[in-house]
Amino acid sequence: MELFRKKNKDEREVEPQEKQSWKQLLVLDLKDLLYVLAIFMVIYMLFFRVVVVVGSSMYDTLHNGDRLLLISSNFYKEPKQGDIIVASKKSFANGECIVKRVIATEGQTVDIDFQKGIVYIDGKELIEDYIYTETTLFEGVSFPVHVGEGQVFVPGDNRNNSKDSRNPQIGLIDRREILGKAIFLITPGDEGGWSRFGVID
């Protein structure tokens, strides 16, 4: 006599699926969030950095206390005329960050008529609608200046209140000294309010 019989497919007990508790789901969600944040942080550290403007050398374009988003020098390799860059020069202020505008790149020649306040690049007058004051302050560098390979010439937009490439302590900036290009004003500083928030020209 058959004491036991095999259950057919329809008679087999279906094991109930384990239901995940809300705590387990929360842990899974937190893990996913941490992965996303980690990826974001890696991208941020490779591509971007944030700096705060100190002083008024870039007034009226940038103000003291402005917080800027930069494209990191890891990806910003070719400075162009008009770019606003952040650099660190060991020979000036113990390597503190300086924010300036590129007006000449390698191979170009810069000359300045300090009496008329006019800047010349390769013999042509540079039209500068972004400056706050004309370039009448002589800081010690002899002109004309030839910009060498891998270098840029950078003054501040507030020409008579800026230590920059006209000053022998700074001079020409090497590309390796550039930390990045300013692309976005995240939060405004002392003046101007939130109307200045946005892409930097």
Protein backbone atom coordinates (compact mmCIF):
# COMPACT_ATOMS: atom_id res chain seq x y z
CA MET A 1 0.00 0.00 0.00
CA GLU A 2 1.32 3.40 -0.93
CA LEU A 3 1.57 5.42 2.24
CA PHE A 4 2.93 8.50 0.53
CA ARG A 5 2.07 9.81 -2.83
CA LYS A 6 3.83 12.47 -4.76
CA LYS A 7 2.07 15.75 -5.10
CA ASN A 8 1.40 16.82 -8.61
CA LYS A 9 2.25 20.33 -9.79
CA ASP A 10 -1.13 21.71 -8.87
CA GLU A 11 -0.99 20.26 -5.40
CA ARG A 12 2.49 21.41 -4.51
CA GLU A 13 2.58 24.04 -1.85
CA VAL A 14 3.59 27.40 -3.16
CA GLU A 15 6.06 28.98 -0.81
CA PRO A 16 4.98 32.50 0.02
CA GLN A 17 7.34 35.21 -1.15
CA GLU A 18 9.01 37.10 1.63
CA LYS A 19 7.78 40.65 1.86
CA GLN A 20 10.44 43.27 2.46
CA SER A 21 9.81 45.45 5.44
CA TRP A 22 9.77 49.23 5.10
CA LYS A 23 13.11 49.31 6.95
CA GLN A 24 14.73 47.06 4.37
CA LEU A 25 13.31 49.17 1.53
CA LEU A 26 14.59 52.32 3.22
CA VAL A 27 18.08 50.83 3.50
CA LEU A 28 18.05 49.92 -0.20
CA ASP A 29 16.90 53.41 -1.14
CA LEU A 30 19.63 54.98 1.01
CA LYS A 31 22.27 52.78 -0.64
CA ASP A 32 21.07 53.89 -4.09
CA LEU A 33 21.17 57.52 -2.96
CA LEU A 34 24.73 57.12 -1.65
CA TYR A 35 25.86 55.61 -4.96
CA VAL A 36 24.32 58.53 -6.88
CA LEU A 37 25.92 61.06 -4.52
CA ALA A 38 29.31 59.35 -4.82
CA ILE A 39 29.13 59.47 -8.62
CA PHE A 40 28.07 63.13 -8.47
CA MET A 41 30.96 64.00 -6.15
CA VAL A 42 33.52 62.31 -8.42
CA ILE A 43 32.15 64.18 -11.46
CA TYR A 44 32.11 67.45 -9.48
CA MET A 45 35.71 67.05 -8.27
CA LEU A 46 36.96 66.21 -11.76
CA PHE A 47 35.02 68.83 -13.72
CA PHE A 48 34.27 71.71 -11.35
CA ARG A 49 35.33 73.71 -8.33
CA VAL A 50 33.92 76.66 -6.39
CA VAL A 51 35.83 79.81 -5.40
CA VAL A 52 34.92 83.05 -3.66
CA VAL A 53 36.01 86.43 -5.07
CA VAL A 54 38.07 88.49 -2.63
CA GLY A 55 38.48 92.20 -3.34
CA SER A 56 37.32 94.51 -6.12
CA SER A 57 39.91 93.94 -8.86
CA MET A 58 37.24 92.50 -11.20
CA TYR A 59 34.58 95.13 -10.44
CA ASP A 60 32.04 95.71 -12.00
CA THR A 61 31.95 92.26 -13.62
CA LEU A 62 32.51 90.48 -10.30
CA HIS A 63 32.11 91.78 -6.75
CA ASN A 64 33.74 90.98 -3.44
CA GLY A 65 32.16 87.84 -1.98
CA ASP A 66 30.78 86.49 -5.26
CA ARG A 67 30.78 82.69 -5.31
CA LEU A 68 31.85 81.30 -8.68
CA LEU A 69 31.59 77.90 -10.34
CA LEU A 70 34.68 77.00 -12.37
CA ILE A 71 35.38 74.46 -15.06
CA SER A 72 38.40 72.70 -13.58
CA SER A 73 41.79 72.94 -15.26
CA ASN A 74 41.52 69.16 -15.79
CA PHE A 75 39.22 69.99 -18.70
CA TYR A 76 39.97 73.66 -19.36
CA LYS A 77 43.12 73.45 -21.44
CA GLU A 78 42.94 76.29 -23.98
CA PRO A 79 42.50 79.78 -22.47
CA LYS A 80 40.95 82.26 -24.88
CA GLN A 81 40.86 86.04 -24.98
CA GLY A 82 37.99 87.26 -22.81
CA ASP A 83 37.91 84.24 -20.47
CA ILE A 84 37.76 84.94 -16.75
CA ILE A 85 40.16 82.59 -15.02
CA VAL A 86 41.24 81.75 -11.49
CA ALA A 87 44.95 81.17 -10.95
CA SER A 88 47.41 80.59 -8.15
CA LYS A 89 50.81 82.30 -8.41
CA LYS A 90 53.30 81.28 -5.73
CA SER A 91 55.22 84.53 -6.17
CA PHE A 92 52.13 86.55 -5.20
CA ALA A 93 50.28 86.50 -1.85
CA ASN A 94 51.60 83.03 -0.97
CA GLY A 95 49.73 81.45 -3.85
CA GLU A 96 46.28 82.74 -2.94
CA CYS A 97 43.69 82.52 -5.72
CA ILE A 98 43.43 85.49 -8.06
CA VAL A 99 40.55 86.11 -10.47
CA LYS A 100 41.46 87.91 -13.70
CA ARG A 101 40.51 88.24 -17.37
CA VAL A 102 42.62 86.82 -20.20
CA ILE A 103 43.35 89.51 -22.79
CA ALA A 104 46.27 87.86 -24.61
CA THR A 105 47.43 84.29 -25.18
CA GLU A 106 50.66 82.69 -26.36
CA GLY A 107 52.33 84.31 -29.33
CA GLN A 108 50.60 87.67 -28.88
CA THR A 109 52.17 90.97 -27.85
CA VAL A 110 50.64 93.34 -25.31
CA ASP A 111 51.37 97.05 -25.24
CA ILE A 112 49.73 99.73 -23.09
CA ASP A 113 49.57 103.49 -23.52
CA PHE A 114 49.16 104.49 -19.87
CA GLN A 115 48.59 108.15 -20.69
CA LYS A 116 45.60 107.40 -22.92
CA GLY A 117 44.57 104.25 -21.04
CA ILE A 118 44.55 102.14 -24.20
CA VAL A 119 45.61 98.48 -24.48
CA TYR A 120 47.03 97.16 -27.75
CA ILE A 121 47.21 93.50 -28.76
CA ASP A 122 49.53 92.85 -31.70
CA GLY A 123 49.41 96.55 -32.51
CA LYS A 124 45.60 96.81 -32.59
CA GLU A 125 43.55 98.64 -29.97
CA LEU A 126 41.67 96.22 -27.75
CA ILE A 127 38.00 97.18 -27.40
CA GLU A 128 37.07 96.48 -23.79
CA ASP A 129 33.45 97.15 -22.90
CA TYR A 130 33.83 95.19 -19.64
CA ILE A 131 36.39 97.41 -17.87
CA TYR A 132 35.39 99.63 -14.95
CA THR A 133 38.39 101.98 -15.21
CA GLU A 134 40.81 102.66 -18.05
CA THR A 135 44.32 101.22 -17.93
CA THR A 136 46.31 104.18 -16.61
CA LEU A 137 48.06 102.53 -13.66
CA PHE A 138 51.65 101.44 -14.29
CA GLU A 139 52.69 98.62 -11.94
CA GLY A 140 56.31 97.99 -12.90
CA VAL A 141 56.33 95.62 -15.88
CA SER A 142 58.01 97.07 -18.99
CA PHE A 143 55.96 97.08 -22.19
CA PRO A 144 55.54 95.79 -24.81
CA VAL A 145 55.24 92.24 -23.39
CA HIS A 146 55.45 89.16 -25.61
CA VAL A 147 53.33 86.28 -24.29
CA GLY A 148 55.36 83.09 -24.35
CA GLU A 149 54.32 79.51 -25.04
CA GLY A 150 51.76 78.19 -22.57
CA GLN A 151 51.24 81.61 -20.97
CA VAL A 152 48.50 84.25 -20.75
CA PHE A 153 48.39 87.95 -19.88
CA VAL A 154 45.69 88.73 -17.31
CA PRO A 155 44.57 92.11 -15.92
CA GLY A 156 41.57 92.80 -13.71
CA ASP A 157 38.52 94.61 -15.11
CA ASN A 158 38.94 97.32 -12.45
CA ARG A 159 42.28 98.32 -13.93
CA ASN A 160 43.29 101.01 -11.44
CA ASN A 161 42.53 98.79 -8.45
CA SER A 162 44.05 95.52 -9.55
CA LYS A 163 47.36 93.73 -9.12
CA ASP A 164 47.75 91.61 -12.21
CA SER A 165 50.10 90.82 -15.12
CA ARG A 166 51.30 94.45 -15.06
CA ASN A 167 52.84 93.71 -11.66
CA PRO A 168 56.26 91.94 -11.61
CA GLN A 169 55.09 89.73 -8.70
CA ILE A 170 52.46 88.23 -10.98
CA GLY A 171 53.54 88.82 -14.56
CA LEU A 172 52.50 86.28 -17.16
CA ILE A 173 50.43 83.34 -15.92
CA ASP A 174 51.48 79.85 -16.94
CA ARG A 175 48.68 77.47 -17.91
CA ARG A 176 49.80 75.13 -15.13
CA GLU A 177 48.99 77.90 -12.64
CA ILE A 178 45.40 78.18 -13.86
CA LEU A 179 42.86 76.46 -11.60
CA GLY A 180 39.93 76.88 -13.97
CA LYS A 181 37.60 79.13 -15.93
CA ALA A 182 34.74 80.96 -14.20
CA ILE A 183 31.46 80.05 -15.91
CA PHE A 184 28.66 80.73 -13.43
CA LEU A 185 27.93 83.12 -10.57
CA ILE A 186 26.31 80.90 -7.93
CA THR A 187 25.64 83.50 -5.23
CA PRO A 188 26.23 87.26 -5.38
CA GLY A 189 28.53 89.01 -2.92
CA ASP A 190 28.43 92.49 -1.46
CA GLU A 191 26.52 94.33 -4.20
CA GLY A 192 24.20 93.91 -7.13
CA GLY A 193 21.76 91.38 -5.69
CA TRP A 194 20.39 88.30 -7.38
CA SER A 195 20.00 90.04 -10.73
CA ARG A 196 23.67 89.15 -11.29
CA PHE A 197 23.08 85.42 -10.72
CA GLY A 198 23.84 83.28 -13.76
CA VAL A 199 26.31 82.69 -16.60
CA ILE A 200 29.45 84.85 -16.49
CA ASP A 201 30.38 86.80 -19.64
